[in-house]
Amino acid sequence: MIIIVGAILGATIGAMIAKRRKGKLADILQYAFVYALVFTLAGLFLTLIIHRASI
């Protein structure tokens, strides 16, 4: 669940940053993808840490 939320949040933040910098559609999509990827990985590691700590 944390991973999905991270991906959505990352894509939203990335798209907003690209729009604020007056980027074209390709720029917006690229920023959204990269931020979604980074936030997804962060969510994955957070999930693993929470899972390991609960044992």
PDB file of N, CA and C in Angstrom:
ATOM      1  N   MET A   1       0.826  -1.192   0.000  1.00  0.00           N
ATOM      2  CA  MET A   1       0.000   0.000   0.000  1.00  0.00           C
ATOM      3  C   MET A   1       0.870   1.256   0.000  1.00  0.00           C
ATOM      4  N   ILE A   2       1.927   1.225   0.793  1.00  0.00           N
ATOM      5  CA  ILE A   2       2.831   2.374   0.859  1.00  0.00           C
ATOM      6  C   ILE A   2       3.502   2.601  -0.489  1.00  0.00           C
ATOM      7  N   ILE A   3       3.778   1.510  -1.200  1.00  0.00           N
ATOM      8  CA  ILE A   3       4.444   1.610  -2.495  1.00  0.00           C
ATOM      9  C   ILE A   3       3.536   2.313  -3.509  1.00  0.00           C
ATOM     10  N   ILE A   4       2.267   1.951  -3.531  1.00  0.00           N
ATOM     11  CA  ILE A   4       1.317   2.555  -4.472  1.00  0.00           C
ATOM     12  C   ILE A   4       1.127   4.036  -4.163  1.00  0.00           C
ATOM     13  N   VAL A   5       0.998   4.355  -2.885  1.00  0.00           N
ATOM     14  CA  VAL A   5       0.847   5.755  -2.484  1.00  0.00           C
ATOM     15  C   VAL A   5       2.095   6.552  -2.871  1.00  0.00           C
ATOM     16  N   GLY A   6       3.260   5.939  -2.694  1.00  0.00           N
ATOM     17  CA  GLY A   6       4.507   6.602  -3.082  1.00  0.00           C
ATOM     18  C   GLY A   6       4.569   6.879  -4.568  1.00  0.00           C
ATOM     19  N   ALA A   7       4.129   5.923  -5.373  1.00  0.00           N
ATOM     20  CA  ALA A   7       4.148   6.110  -6.825  1.00  0.00           C
ATOM     21  C   ALA A   7       3.211   7.231  -7.256  1.00  0.00           C
ATOM     22  N   ILE A   8       2.013   7.242  -6.702  1.00  0.00           N
ATOM     23  CA  ILE A   8       1.046   8.286  -7.053  1.00  0.00           C
ATOM     24  C   ILE A   8       1.522   9.653  -6.585  1.00  0.00           C
ATOM     25  N   LEU A   9       2.018   9.710  -5.355  1.00  0.00           N
ATOM     26  CA  LEU A   9       2.517  10.969  -4.817  1.00  0.00           C
ATOM     27  C   LEU A   9       3.718  11.477  -5.616  1.00  0.00           C
ATOM     28  N   GLY A  10       4.622  10.581  -5.962  1.00  0.00           N
ATOM     29  CA  GLY A  10       5.792  10.965  -6.745  1.00  0.00           C
ATOM     30  C   GLY A  10       5.426  11.479  -8.123  1.00  0.00           C
ATOM     31  N   ALA A  11       4.489  10.798  -8.791  1.00  0.00           N
ATOM     32  CA  ALA A  11       4.065  11.248 -10.120  1.00  0.00           C
ATOM     33  C   ALA A  11       3.408  12.614 -10.055  1.00  0.00           C
ATOM     34  N   THR A  12       2.610  12.829  -9.024  1.00  0.00           N
ATOM     35  CA  THR A  12       1.936  14.120  -8.867  1.00  0.00           C
ATOM     36  C   THR A  12       2.939  15.238  -8.607  1.00  0.00           C
ATOM     37  N   ILE A  13       3.859  14.993  -7.709  1.00  0.00           N
ATOM     38  CA  ILE A  13       4.867  16.015  -7.392  1.00  0.00           C
ATOM     39  C   ILE A  13       5.751  16.298  -8.604  1.00  0.00           C
ATOM     40  N   GLY A  14       6.168  15.238  -9.301  1.00  0.00           N
ATOM     41  CA  GLY A  14       7.000  15.423 -10.486  1.00  0.00           C
ATOM     42  C   GLY A  14       6.309  16.223 -11.569  1.00  0.00           C
ATOM     43  N   ALA A  15       5.038  15.927 -11.801  1.00  0.00           N
ATOM     44  CA  ALA A  15       4.290  16.666 -12.826  1.00  0.00           C
ATOM     45  C   ALA A  15       4.119  18.129 -12.431  1.00  0.00           C
ATOM     46  N   MET A  16       3.852  18.377 -11.143  1.00  0.00           N
ATOM     47  CA  MET A  16       3.690  19.764 -10.693  1.00  0.00           C
ATOM     48  C   MET A  16       4.993  20.553 -10.833  1.00  0.00           C
ATOM     49  N   ILE A  17       6.113  19.926 -10.530  1.00  0.00           N
ATOM     50  CA  ILE A  17       7.403  20.611 -10.662  1.00  0.00           C
ATOM     51  C   ILE A  17       7.674  20.944 -12.126  1.00  0.00           C
ATOM     52  N   ALA A  18       7.414  19.990 -13.023  1.00  0.00           N
ATOM     53  CA  ALA A  18       7.655  20.237 -14.449  1.00  0.00           C
ATOM     54  C   ALA A  18       6.732  21.326 -14.990  1.00  0.00           C
ATOM     55  N   LYS A  19       5.475  21.338 -14.556  1.00  0.00           N
ATOM     56  CA  LYS A  19       4.549  22.378 -15.003  1.00  0.00           C
ATOM     57  C   LYS A  19       4.980  23.748 -14.508  1.00  0.00           C
ATOM     58  N   ARG A  20       5.450  23.791 -13.262  1.00  0.00           N
ATOM     59  CA  ARG A  20       5.889  25.068 -12.691  1.00  0.00           C
ATOM     60  C   ARG A  20       7.099  25.613 -13.440  1.00  0.00           C
ATOM     61  N   ARG A  21       7.923  24.703 -13.983  1.00  0.00           N
ATOM     62  CA  ARG A  21       9.099  25.131 -14.753  1.00  0.00           C
ATOM     63  C   ARG A  21       8.776  25.346 -16.227  1.00  0.00           C
ATOM     64  N   LYS A  22       7.473  25.365 -16.556  1.00  0.00           N
ATOM     65  CA  LYS A  22       6.991  25.610 -17.920  1.00  0.00           C
ATOM     66  C   LYS A  22       7.476  24.547 -18.905  1.00  0.00           C
ATOM     67  N   GLY A  23       7.444  23.292 -18.482  1.00  0.00           N
ATOM     68  CA  GLY A  23       7.879  22.208 -19.350  1.00  0.00           C
ATOM     69  C   GLY A  23       6.803  21.791 -20.333  1.00  0.00           C
ATOM     70  N   LYS A  24       7.247  21.193 -21.428  1.00  0.00           N
ATOM     71  CA  LYS A  24       6.312  20.656 -22.418  1.00  0.00           C
ATOM     72  C   LYS A  24       5.795  19.310 -21.923  1.00  0.00           C
ATOM     73  N   LEU A  25       4.931  18.696 -22.700  1.00  0.00           N
ATOM     74  CA  LEU A  25       4.306  17.441 -22.291  1.00  0.00           C
ATOM     75  C   LEU A  25       5.349  16.353 -22.028  1.00  0.00           C
ATOM     76  N   ALA A  26       6.356  16.264 -22.889  1.00  0.00           N
ATOM     77  CA  ALA A  26       7.395  15.248 -22.697  1.00  0.00           C
ATOM     78  C   ALA A  26       8.153  15.479 -21.390  1.00  0.00           C
ATOM     79  N   ASP A  27       8.409  16.739 -21.061  1.00  0.00           N
ATOM     80  CA  ASP A  27       9.097  17.055 -19.803  1.00  0.00           C
ATOM     81  C   ASP A  27       8.239  16.670 -18.604  1.00  0.00           C
ATOM     82  N   ILE A  28       6.956  16.971 -18.688  1.00  0.00           N
ATOM     83  CA  ILE A  28       6.045  16.658 -17.589  1.00  0.00           C
ATOM     84  C   ILE A  28       5.979  15.146 -17.367  1.00  0.00           C
ATOM     85  N   LEU A  29       5.869  14.394 -18.459  1.00  0.00           N
ATOM     86  CA  LEU A  29       5.809  12.940 -18.346  1.00  0.00           C
ATOM     87  C   LEU A  29       7.102  12.356 -17.792  1.00  0.00           C
ATOM     88  N   GLN A  30       8.223  12.905 -18.222  1.00  0.00           N
ATOM     89  CA  GLN A  30       9.509  12.403 -17.744  1.00  0.00           C
ATOM     90  C   GLN A  30       9.685  12.690 -16.256  1.00  0.00           C
ATOM     91  N   TYR A  31       9.388  13.891 -15.829  1.00  0.00           N
ATOM     92  CA  TYR A  31       9.487  14.233 -14.409  1.00  0.00           C
ATOM     93  C   TYR A  31       8.551  13.357 -13.583  1.00  0.00           C
ATOM     94  N   ALA A  32       7.317  13.161 -14.074  1.00  0.00           N
ATOM     95  CA  ALA A  32       6.350  12.343 -13.349  1.00  0.00           C
ATOM     96  C   ALA A  32       6.860  10.914 -13.215  1.00  0.00           C
ATOM     97  N   PHE A  33       7.423  10.361 -14.279  1.00  0.00           N
ATOM     98  CA  PHE A  33       7.922   8.989 -14.234  1.00  0.00           C
ATOM     99  C   PHE A  33       9.094   8.849 -13.280  1.00  0.00           C
ATOM    100  N   VAL A  34      10.050   9.753 -13.367  1.00  0.00           N
ATOM    101  CA  VAL A  34      11.247   9.646 -12.529  1.00  0.00           C
ATOM    102  C   VAL A  34      10.899   9.828 -11.051  1.00  0.00           C
ATOM    103  N   TYR A  35      10.071  10.810 -10.747  1.00  0.00           N
ATOM    104  CA  TYR A  35       9.675  11.018  -9.353  1.00  0.00           C
ATOM    105  C   TYR A  35       8.858   9.836  -8.833  1.00  0.00           C
ATOM    106  N   ALA A  36       7.989   9.284  -9.678  1.00  0.00           N
ATOM    107  CA  ALA A  36       7.209   8.111  -9.272  1.00  0.00           C
ATOM    108  C   ALA A  36       8.143   6.937  -8.989  1.00  0.00           C
ATOM    109  N   LEU A  37       9.153   6.762  -9.813  1.00  0.00           N
ATOM    110  CA  LEU A  37      10.110   5.677  -9.610  1.00  0.00           C
ATOM    111  C   LEU A  37      10.877   5.848  -8.305  1.00  0.00           C
ATOM    112  N   VAL A  38      11.348   7.043  -8.038  1.00  0.00           N
ATOM    113  CA  VAL A  38      12.110   7.304  -6.819  1.00  0.00           C
ATOM    114  C   VAL A  38      11.233   7.117  -5.573  1.00  0.00           C
ATOM    115  N   PHE A  39      10.022   7.652  -5.618  1.00  0.00           N
ATOM    116  CA  PHE A  39       9.136   7.526  -4.457  1.00  0.00           C
ATOM    117  C   PHE A  39       8.689   6.079  -4.265  1.00  0.00           C
ATOM    118  N   THR A  40       8.540   5.330  -5.360  1.00  0.00           N
ATOM    119  CA  THR A  40       8.192   3.917  -5.249  1.00  0.00           C
ATOM    120  C   THR A  40       9.308   3.137  -4.572  1.00  0.00           C
ATOM    121  N   LEU A  41      10.538   3.400  -4.958  1.00  0.00           N
ATOM    122  CA  LEU A  41      11.670   2.727  -4.309  1.00  0.00           C
ATOM    123  C   LEU A  41      11.770   3.101  -2.835  1.00  0.00           C
ATOM    124  N   ALA A  42      11.531   4.363  -2.525  1.00  0.00           N
ATOM    125  CA  ALA A  42      11.541   4.790  -1.125  1.00  0.00           C
ATOM    126  C   ALA A  42      10.431   4.080  -0.347  1.00  0.00           C
ATOM    127  N   GLY A  43       9.256   3.942  -0.959  1.00  0.00           N
ATOM    128  CA  GLY A  43       8.155   3.230  -0.319  1.00  0.00           C
ATOM    129  C   GLY A  43       8.461   1.753  -0.128  1.00  0.00           C
ATOM    130  N   LEU A  44       9.160   1.170  -1.096  1.00  0.00           N
ATOM    131  CA  LEU A  44       9.558  -0.236  -0.979  1.00  0.00           C
ATOM    132  C   LEU A  44      10.489  -0.438   0.201  1.00  0.00           C
ATOM    133  N   PHE A  45      11.501   0.403   0.312  1.00  0.00           N
ATOM    134  CA  PHE A  45      12.435   0.284   1.428  1.00  0.00           C
ATOM    135  C   PHE A  45      11.754   0.562   2.762  1.00  0.00           C
ATOM    136  N   LEU A  46      10.851   1.519   2.788  1.00  0.00           N
ATOM    137  CA  LEU A  46      10.108   1.805   4.013  1.00  0.00           C
ATOM    138  C   LEU A  46       9.246   0.607   4.415  1.00  0.00           C
ATOM    139  N   THR A  47       8.618  -0.025   3.431  1.00  0.00           N
ATOM    140  CA  THR A  47       7.819  -1.214   3.704  1.00  0.00           C
ATOM    141  C   THR A  47       8.688  -2.343   4.254  1.00  0.00           C
ATOM    142  N   LEU A  48       9.855  -2.537   3.666  1.00  0.00           N
ATOM    143  CA  LEU A  48      10.757  -3.588   4.144  1.00  0.00           C
ATOM    144  C   LEU A  48      11.233  -3.312   5.561  1.00  0.00           C
ATOM    145  N   ILE A  49      11.540  -2.073   5.866  1.00  0.00           N
ATOM    146  CA  ILE A  49      11.990  -1.707   7.211  1.00  0.00           C
ATOM    147  C   ILE A  49      10.874  -1.937   8.230  1.00  0.00           C
ATOM    148  N   ILE A  50       9.660  -1.529   7.880  1.00  0.00           N
ATOM    149  CA  ILE A  50       8.531  -1.728   8.793  1.00  0.00           C
ATOM    150  C   ILE A  50       8.270  -3.218   9.004  1.00  0.00           C
ATOM    151  N   HIS A  51       8.351  -3.987   7.921  1.00  0.00           N
ATOM    152  CA  HIS A  51       8.104  -5.419   8.028  1.00  0.00           C
ATOM    153  C   HIS A  51       9.168  -6.098   8.891  1.00  0.00           C
ATOM    154  N   ARG A  52      10.412  -5.743   8.695  1.00  0.00           N
ATOM    155  CA  ARG A  52      11.503  -6.352   9.470  1.00  0.00           C
ATOM    156  C   ARG A  52      11.445  -5.947  10.937  1.00  0.00           C
ATOM    157  N   ALA A  53      11.009  -4.746  11.218  1.00  0.00           N
ATOM    158  CA  ALA A  53      10.969  -4.256  12.589  1.00  0.00           C
ATOM    159  C   ALA A  53       9.823  -4.893  13.384  1.00  0.00           C
ATOM    160  N   SER A  54       8.805  -5.385  12.684  1.00  0.00           N
ATOM    161  CA  SER A  54       7.643  -5.937  13.384  1.00  0.00           C
ATOM    162  C   SER A  54       7.816  -7.402  13.767  1.00  0.00           C
ATOM    163  N   ILE A  55       8.901  -8.022  13.379  1.00  0.00           N
ATOM    164  CA  ILE A  55       9.117  -9.441  13.702  1.00  0.00           C
ATOM    165  C   ILE A  55       9.598  -9.622  15.118  1.00  0.00           C
TER     166      ILE A  55
END
